[in-house]
Amino acid sequence: MTGILLSGCVSSVLDVPVRGEIKVPSKLIAQMNKKSMSNGSPVLIRIFKQESELELWKVDKTGKYALLKTYPMCRWSGKLGPKKKSGDRQAPEGFYHVSTALLNPNSAYYLSFNLGYPNRLERALGYTGDAMMVHGACSSAGCFAITDEQVAEVYAVVRDALRRGQKNFQVQAYPFRMTKANMARHRGNENYAFWRDLKYGYDIFERTRQQPYVGYCEGRYMFGEAALSYEGKSPLAACADDSLVSAIASERTFGMEAAISMEGSFDAEQAPAPLAYEDGGMHISFRNILENKGHKHLAEKTSVKSVPVSRPKAALADPHTPEE
């Protein structure tokens, strides 16, 4: 079992079939009604590492996605940047599609769903690892952890959407909110070119509130109409010239050109804010609990089984953050 756990946030199979049938809380149903959403309408999830937030979106009466609720993440591990190999403790970044088969009602971390890492692109690039999950408790070895209470809500909502006909739901995992300012601040990072590709999809969703179509060519993401011609082809196949033109047009349409122009004025004042931890992070609300009341109290607040908190090592820039 130890070897399996090291490959990701794998959960043991427990005899708790009723847990997977947990109902969507009436309070959340009321929020859906207020926002003109139905419980069975399609869902989409966005995850932001640096902000340690998970967003749950649903289609409303306009036929577009609207934000239902934002959940603070209690723990994610690794650093900003994509996951590339098993055991690197990196939480994934990219676009994933979760079907019913990837739901885990028998998770050791209360409830969970598998992102499906590595996706087709990541497999083609030789990336390794498995069982990268969104789950409960406050522990992570490459996963995204929210509380048991929160994951019960998210799990019930996505399960019902899948049962009502949504084939799979998209999860967009980002290093940070991909604003023009944030892109400029991080332009010196080795992952910048990859993040620019992610931003194409991010901006399409920001502008249209529709799920972007995802494709691949030359080992990179493509989105929208430019991606349609690559369906079924190798993610490493060459990009057609017109696809590259479409990508450039996407930059201009969705504001990337402005972000890129900011690079010339990049200076120390625009440097990325240091993360609180060297290994992943926690939302500030959980950091405060950890600092003021300790890891045992935080474990009790985040897990029905009081699963131990995986406390990340504090960054030197934040000496007041508790260390392991």
Protein backbone atom coordinates (compact mmCIF):
# COMPACT_ATOMS: atom_id res chain seq x y z
CA MET A 1 0.00 0.00 0.00
CA THR A 2 2.85 2.39 0.78
CA GLY A 3 4.18 2.18 -2.75
CA ILE A 4 0.75 2.96 -4.15
CA LEU A 5 0.25 5.96 -1.92
CA LEU A 6 3.53 7.47 -3.08
CA SER A 7 2.29 7.55 -6.68
CA GLY A 8 -0.30 10.16 -5.80
CA CYS A 9 -3.25 10.79 -3.55
CA VAL A 10 -4.59 7.26 -3.96
CA SER A 11 -7.33 6.18 -1.60
CA SER A 12 -8.01 2.74 -0.30
CA VAL A 13 -11.30 1.08 -1.19
CA LEU A 14 -13.53 1.13 1.85
CA ASP A 15 -16.95 -0.44 2.29
CA VAL A 16 -18.92 2.79 2.41
CA PRO A 17 -21.23 2.79 -0.63
CA VAL A 18 -23.75 5.17 0.97
CA ARG A 19 -21.23 8.03 1.09
CA GLY A 20 -21.28 8.36 -2.68
CA GLU A 21 -25.04 8.98 -2.58
CA ILE A 22 -24.77 12.03 -0.34
CA LYS A 23 -27.29 14.69 -1.36
CA VAL A 24 -26.56 18.22 -2.50
CA PRO A 25 -27.17 20.42 0.59
CA SER A 26 -30.45 22.31 0.54
CA LYS A 27 -28.57 25.57 1.09
CA LEU A 28 -26.56 25.00 -2.10
CA ILE A 29 -29.74 24.08 -3.99
CA ALA A 30 -31.16 27.41 -2.85
CA GLN A 31 -28.07 29.17 -4.22
CA MET A 32 -28.58 27.40 -7.55
CA ASN A 33 -32.20 28.49 -7.69
CA LYS A 34 -31.23 32.06 -6.89
CA LYS A 35 -28.76 32.01 -9.77
CA SER A 36 -31.20 30.38 -12.20
CA MET A 37 -29.37 27.05 -12.27
CA SER A 38 -30.77 23.55 -12.02
CA ASN A 39 -29.11 20.80 -10.02
CA GLY A 40 -28.62 18.70 -13.13
CA SER A 41 -27.18 21.39 -15.39
CA PRO A 42 -23.58 20.97 -16.66
CA VAL A 43 -20.68 21.79 -14.37
CA LEU A 44 -17.11 23.01 -14.80
CA ILE A 45 -14.31 23.44 -12.26
CA ARG A 46 -11.41 25.89 -12.20
CA ILE A 47 -8.46 25.53 -9.80
CA PHE A 48 -5.90 28.21 -8.95
CA LYS A 49 -2.77 27.18 -7.09
CA GLN A 50 -1.32 30.50 -5.99
CA GLU A 51 -4.68 31.75 -4.72
CA SER A 52 -5.48 28.28 -3.30
CA GLU A 53 -9.04 28.40 -4.59
CA LEU A 54 -11.37 25.97 -6.38
CA GLU A 55 -14.31 27.37 -8.32
CA LEU A 56 -17.51 25.44 -9.08
CA TRP A 57 -19.39 26.68 -12.16
CA LYS A 58 -22.77 25.62 -13.56
CA VAL A 59 -24.76 26.46 -16.66
CA ASP A 60 -27.61 28.85 -15.89
CA LYS A 61 -30.77 29.72 -17.81
CA THR A 62 -28.78 31.77 -20.34
CA GLY A 63 -26.96 28.64 -21.48
CA LYS A 64 -23.64 29.98 -20.22
CA TYR A 65 -21.53 29.03 -17.23
CA ALA A 66 -21.88 31.13 -14.09
CA LEU A 67 -19.95 30.86 -10.85
CA LEU A 68 -21.86 28.92 -8.20
CA LYS A 69 -19.33 28.83 -5.37
CA THR A 70 -15.63 29.30 -4.57
CA TYR A 71 -13.94 26.93 -2.13
CA PRO A 72 -10.67 27.73 -0.34
CA MET A 73 -8.16 24.92 -0.78
CA CYS A 74 -6.59 23.60 2.38
CA ARG A 75 -3.58 22.02 0.73
CA TRP A 76 -1.83 21.52 -2.59
CA SER A 77 1.75 20.36 -2.96
CA GLY A 78 4.74 21.13 -5.13
CA LYS A 79 5.48 24.44 -6.83
CA LEU A 80 3.89 26.52 -9.57
CA GLY A 81 4.31 24.58 -12.79
CA PRO A 82 3.02 21.36 -14.39
CA LYS A 83 3.41 17.85 -13.05
CA LYS A 84 5.89 15.85 -15.15
CA LYS A 85 6.81 12.67 -13.30
CA SER A 86 5.63 10.34 -10.60
CA GLY A 87 6.89 11.27 -7.16
CA ASP A 88 7.67 14.93 -7.92
CA ARG A 89 4.88 16.04 -5.54
CA GLN A 90 3.63 18.42 -8.20
CA ALA A 91 -0.09 19.07 -8.49
CA PRO A 92 -1.10 19.10 -12.19
CA GLU A 93 -1.73 22.11 -14.38
CA GLY A 94 -3.73 21.82 -17.55
CA PHE A 95 -7.15 20.86 -18.92
CA TYR A 96 -8.78 17.61 -17.82
CA HIS A 97 -12.11 15.88 -18.41
CA VAL A 98 -13.69 13.87 -15.61
CA SER A 99 -16.24 11.13 -16.31
CA THR A 100 -18.31 9.05 -13.89
CA ALA A 101 -15.60 6.36 -13.95
CA LEU A 102 -13.20 8.81 -12.29
CA LEU A 103 -15.44 9.48 -9.28
CA ASN A 104 -14.32 7.71 -6.11
CA PRO A 105 -17.09 7.35 -3.51
CA ASN A 106 -14.87 5.05 -1.41
CA SER A 107 -11.98 7.41 -0.85
CA ALA A 108 -9.83 7.29 2.25
CA TYR A 109 -10.04 11.08 1.99
CA TYR A 110 -13.83 10.98 2.40
CA LEU A 111 -14.85 11.58 -1.26
CA SER A 112 -12.75 12.32 -4.31
CA PHE A 113 -12.51 12.40 -8.07
CA ASN A 114 -9.52 11.70 -10.28
CA LEU A 115 -8.48 14.45 -12.69
CA GLY A 116 -7.36 11.92 -15.27
CA TYR A 117 -3.72 12.96 -15.23
CA PRO A 118 -1.84 12.38 -17.44
CA ASN A 119 -4.12 13.54 -20.24
CA ARG A 120 -3.40 12.70 -23.90
CA LEU A 121 -0.94 15.56 -24.29
CA GLU A 122 0.90 14.72 -21.08
CA ARG A 123 1.16 11.05 -22.00
CA ALA A 124 2.59 11.96 -25.40
CA LEU A 125 5.17 14.15 -23.66
CA GLY A 126 6.20 11.22 -21.47
CA TYR A 127 4.81 12.60 -18.22
CA THR A 128 4.15 9.97 -15.56
CA GLY A 129 2.06 9.64 -12.40
CA ASP A 130 -1.48 8.71 -11.54
CA ALA A 131 -4.30 9.22 -9.04
CA MET A 132 -4.08 13.01 -9.02
CA MET A 133 -7.24 13.82 -7.14
CA VAL A 134 -9.48 16.50 -5.73
CA HIS A 135 -10.38 15.17 -2.29
CA GLY A 136 -11.18 16.02 1.32
CA ALA A 137 -8.95 16.43 4.39
CA CYS A 138 -5.91 18.71 4.37
CA SER A 139 -3.21 16.47 2.97
CA SER A 140 -1.58 16.45 -0.45
CA ALA A 141 1.06 14.55 -2.38
CA GLY A 142 0.27 16.02 -5.77
CA CYS A 143 -3.46 16.52 -5.21
CA PHE A 144 -5.85 19.37 -4.45
CA ALA A 145 -7.41 19.10 -0.99
CA ILE A 146 -10.47 20.89 0.32
CA THR A 147 -12.38 19.96 3.48
CA ASP A 148 -14.56 16.87 3.80
CA GLU A 149 -17.65 19.06 4.04
CA GLN A 150 -16.67 20.97 0.93
CA VAL A 151 -15.75 17.94 -1.14
CA ALA A 152 -19.12 16.40 -0.24
CA GLU A 153 -20.81 19.41 -1.86
CA VAL A 154 -18.63 19.39 -4.96
CA TYR A 155 -18.86 15.62 -5.37
CA ALA A 156 -22.66 15.60 -5.11
CA VAL A 157 -23.01 18.45 -7.63
CA VAL A 158 -20.73 16.90 -10.27
CA ARG A 159 -22.19 13.42 -9.73
CA ASP A 160 -25.72 14.70 -10.34
CA ALA A 161 -24.63 16.60 -13.47
CA LEU A 162 -23.03 13.44 -14.86
CA ARG A 163 -26.15 11.42 -14.06
CA ARG A 164 -28.33 13.97 -15.83
CA GLY A 165 -26.45 13.56 -19.10
CA GLN A 166 -23.19 15.50 -18.99
CA LYS A 167 -20.66 13.09 -20.53
CA ASN A 168 -17.77 14.53 -18.57
CA PHE A 169 -16.94 17.80 -16.89
CA GLN A 170 -13.92 19.94 -17.57
CA VAL A 171 -11.37 20.82 -14.89
CA GLN A 172 -9.08 23.74 -15.65
CA ALA A 173 -6.04 23.74 -13.33
CA TYR A 174 -3.94 26.91 -13.38
CA PRO A 175 -0.86 28.16 -11.54
CA PHE A 176 -2.62 31.45 -10.75
CA ARG A 177 -5.41 33.66 -12.07
CA MET A 178 -4.13 34.34 -15.55
CA THR A 179 -4.61 38.08 -15.70
CA LYS A 180 -2.40 40.27 -17.86
CA ALA A 181 -0.65 41.58 -14.76
CA ASN A 182 0.03 38.11 -13.37
CA MET A 183 1.37 36.91 -16.72
CA ALA A 184 3.74 39.87 -16.84
CA ARG A 185 4.90 39.22 -13.29
CA HIS A 186 5.73 35.60 -14.11
CA ARG A 187 7.22 36.14 -17.56
CA GLY A 188 10.69 35.10 -16.31
CA ASN A 189 9.49 31.68 -15.16
CA GLU A 190 10.70 28.63 -17.10
CA ASN A 191 7.05 27.58 -17.54
CA TYR A 192 5.98 30.84 -19.13
CA ALA A 193 5.50 29.46 -22.66
CA PHE A 194 3.33 26.65 -21.27
CA TRP A 195 1.33 29.13 -19.22
CA ARG A 196 0.74 31.25 -22.31
CA ASP A 197 -0.88 28.21 -23.93
CA LEU A 198 -3.10 27.71 -20.88
CA LYS A 199 -4.07 31.36 -20.99
CA TYR A 200 -5.63 30.92 -24.45
CA GLY A 201 -8.16 28.53 -22.91
CA TYR A 202 -8.55 30.69 -19.81
CA ASP A 203 -9.36 33.77 -21.89
CA ILE A 204 -11.84 31.97 -24.11
CA PHE A 205 -13.79 30.93 -21.02
CA GLU A 206 -13.50 34.40 -19.47
CA ARG A 207 -14.91 36.00 -22.60
CA THR A 208 -17.57 33.52 -23.66
CA ARG A 209 -18.45 31.64 -20.44
CA GLN A 210 -18.50 28.52 -22.60
CA GLN A 211 -16.31 25.46 -22.10
CA PRO A 212 -13.36 25.78 -24.51
CA TYR A 213 -12.78 22.93 -26.90
CA VAL A 214 -9.34 21.45 -26.21
CA GLY A 215 -6.93 19.95 -28.73
CA TYR A 216 -3.19 19.45 -29.10
CA CYS A 217 -0.43 19.81 -31.68
CA GLU A 218 3.36 20.04 -31.50
CA GLY A 219 3.21 19.12 -27.83
CA ARG A 220 1.08 22.11 -26.86
CA TYR A 221 -2.52 22.96 -26.14
CA MET A 222 -4.80 24.38 -28.81
CA PHE A 223 -8.30 25.71 -28.18
CA GLY A 224 -11.51 26.52 -29.99
CA GLU A 225 -11.76 26.29 -33.77
CA ALA A 226 -7.99 25.95 -34.09
CA ALA A 227 -8.15 22.67 -32.16
CA LEU A 228 -10.94 20.95 -34.08
CA SER A 229 -8.74 19.69 -36.92
CA TYR A 230 -6.44 17.83 -34.52
CA GLU A 231 -9.03 15.54 -32.99
CA GLY A 232 -7.78 11.96 -33.09
CA LYS A 233 -4.27 12.96 -34.19
CA SER A 234 -1.09 12.61 -32.18
CA PRO A 235 -0.60 15.51 -29.73
CA LEU A 236 2.93 15.74 -31.14
CA ALA A 237 1.78 16.20 -34.76
CA ALA A 238 2.82 19.41 -36.45
CA CYS A 239 0.56 22.43 -36.14
CA ALA A 240 -0.82 23.71 -39.43
CA ASP A 241 0.08 27.27 -40.32
CA ASP A 242 -3.54 28.37 -40.07
CA SER A 243 -3.64 27.02 -36.50
CA LEU A 244 -0.72 29.21 -35.55
CA VAL A 245 -2.47 32.18 -37.14
CA SER A 246 -5.56 31.35 -35.09
CA ALA A 247 -3.45 31.25 -31.93
CA ILE A 248 -2.02 34.68 -32.69
CA ALA A 249 -5.51 35.99 -33.36
CA SER A 250 -6.57 34.52 -30.03
CA GLU A 251 -3.82 36.50 -28.30
CA ARG A 252 -5.06 39.70 -29.85
CA THR A 253 -8.71 38.95 -29.26
CA PHE A 254 -8.39 37.96 -25.64
CA GLY A 255 -5.79 40.42 -24.45
CA MET A 256 -2.54 38.45 -24.52
CA GLU A 257 -0.95 41.05 -26.77
CA ALA A 258 -1.38 43.62 -23.99
CA ALA A 259 0.11 41.22 -21.47
CA ILE A 260 3.12 40.57 -23.68
CA SER A 261 3.67 44.28 -24.23
CA MET A 262 4.00 44.68 -20.47
CA GLU A 263 7.15 42.56 -20.52
CA GLY A 264 9.22 45.48 -21.71
CA SER A 265 8.45 47.41 -18.53
CA PHE A 266 8.94 44.43 -16.23
CA ASP A 267 10.87 45.44 -13.13
CA ALA A 268 11.38 44.44 -9.51
CA GLU A 269 8.07 45.99 -8.47
CA GLN A 270 6.28 43.55 -10.78
CA ALA A 271 8.09 40.50 -9.42
CA PRO A 272 5.78 37.66 -8.34
CA ALA A 273 4.76 37.83 -4.71
CA PRO A 274 6.61 35.14 -2.76
CA LEU A 275 4.54 32.12 -1.80
CA ALA A 276 4.09 31.41 1.88
CA TYR A 277 5.48 27.90 1.50
CA GLU A 278 8.32 26.28 -0.40
CA ASP A 279 6.14 23.21 -0.99
CA GLY A 280 2.71 24.07 -2.34
CA GLY A 281 0.37 26.10 -0.24
CA MET A 282 -2.79 26.68 1.78
CA HIS A 283 -5.51 29.27 1.56
CA ILE A 284 -4.95 32.08 4.05
CA SER A 285 -8.01 31.03 6.05
CA PHE A 286 -6.46 27.63 6.78
CA ARG A 287 -3.02 29.11 7.34
CA ASN A 288 -4.49 31.28 10.07
CA ILE A 289 -6.06 28.26 11.77
CA LEU A 290 -2.80 26.35 11.55
CA GLU A 291 -0.81 29.23 13.00
CA ASN A 292 -3.24 30.19 15.75
CA LYS A 293 -4.72 26.85 16.83
CA GLY A 294 -2.32 24.19 15.59
CA HIS A 295 -2.36 21.24 13.22
CA LYS A 296 -4.59 19.02 15.39
CA HIS A 297 -7.37 21.60 15.41
CA LEU A 298 -7.04 22.10 11.67
CA ALA A 299 -7.23 18.34 11.11
CA GLU A 300 -10.45 18.20 13.13
CA LYS A 301 -11.92 21.12 11.17
CA THR A 302 -11.11 19.67 7.75
CA SER A 303 -11.66 15.91 8.12
CA VAL A 304 -14.29 13.73 9.76
CA LYS A 305 -11.49 11.27 10.54
CA SER A 306 -9.08 14.02 11.63
CA VAL A 307 -6.66 13.04 8.86
CA PRO A 308 -3.27 14.57 9.77
CA VAL A 309 -2.46 17.83 8.02
CA SER A 310 0.47 17.65 5.61
CA ARG A 311 2.17 20.84 6.70
CA PRO A 312 4.37 22.35 3.99
CA LYS A 313 7.79 23.76 4.76
CA ALA A 314 7.65 27.50 5.29
CA ALA A 315 9.30 29.75 2.76
CA LEU A 316 12.09 31.97 4.05
CA ALA A 317 10.10 34.99 2.92
CA ASP A 318 7.45 34.22 5.53
CA PRO A 319 9.22 33.31 8.80
CA HIS A 320 5.96 33.39 10.76
CA THR A 321 4.43 30.48 8.87
CA PRO A 322 4.52 27.23 10.89
CA GLU A 323 6.96 24.62 9.67
CA GLU A 324 6.88 20.84 9.87
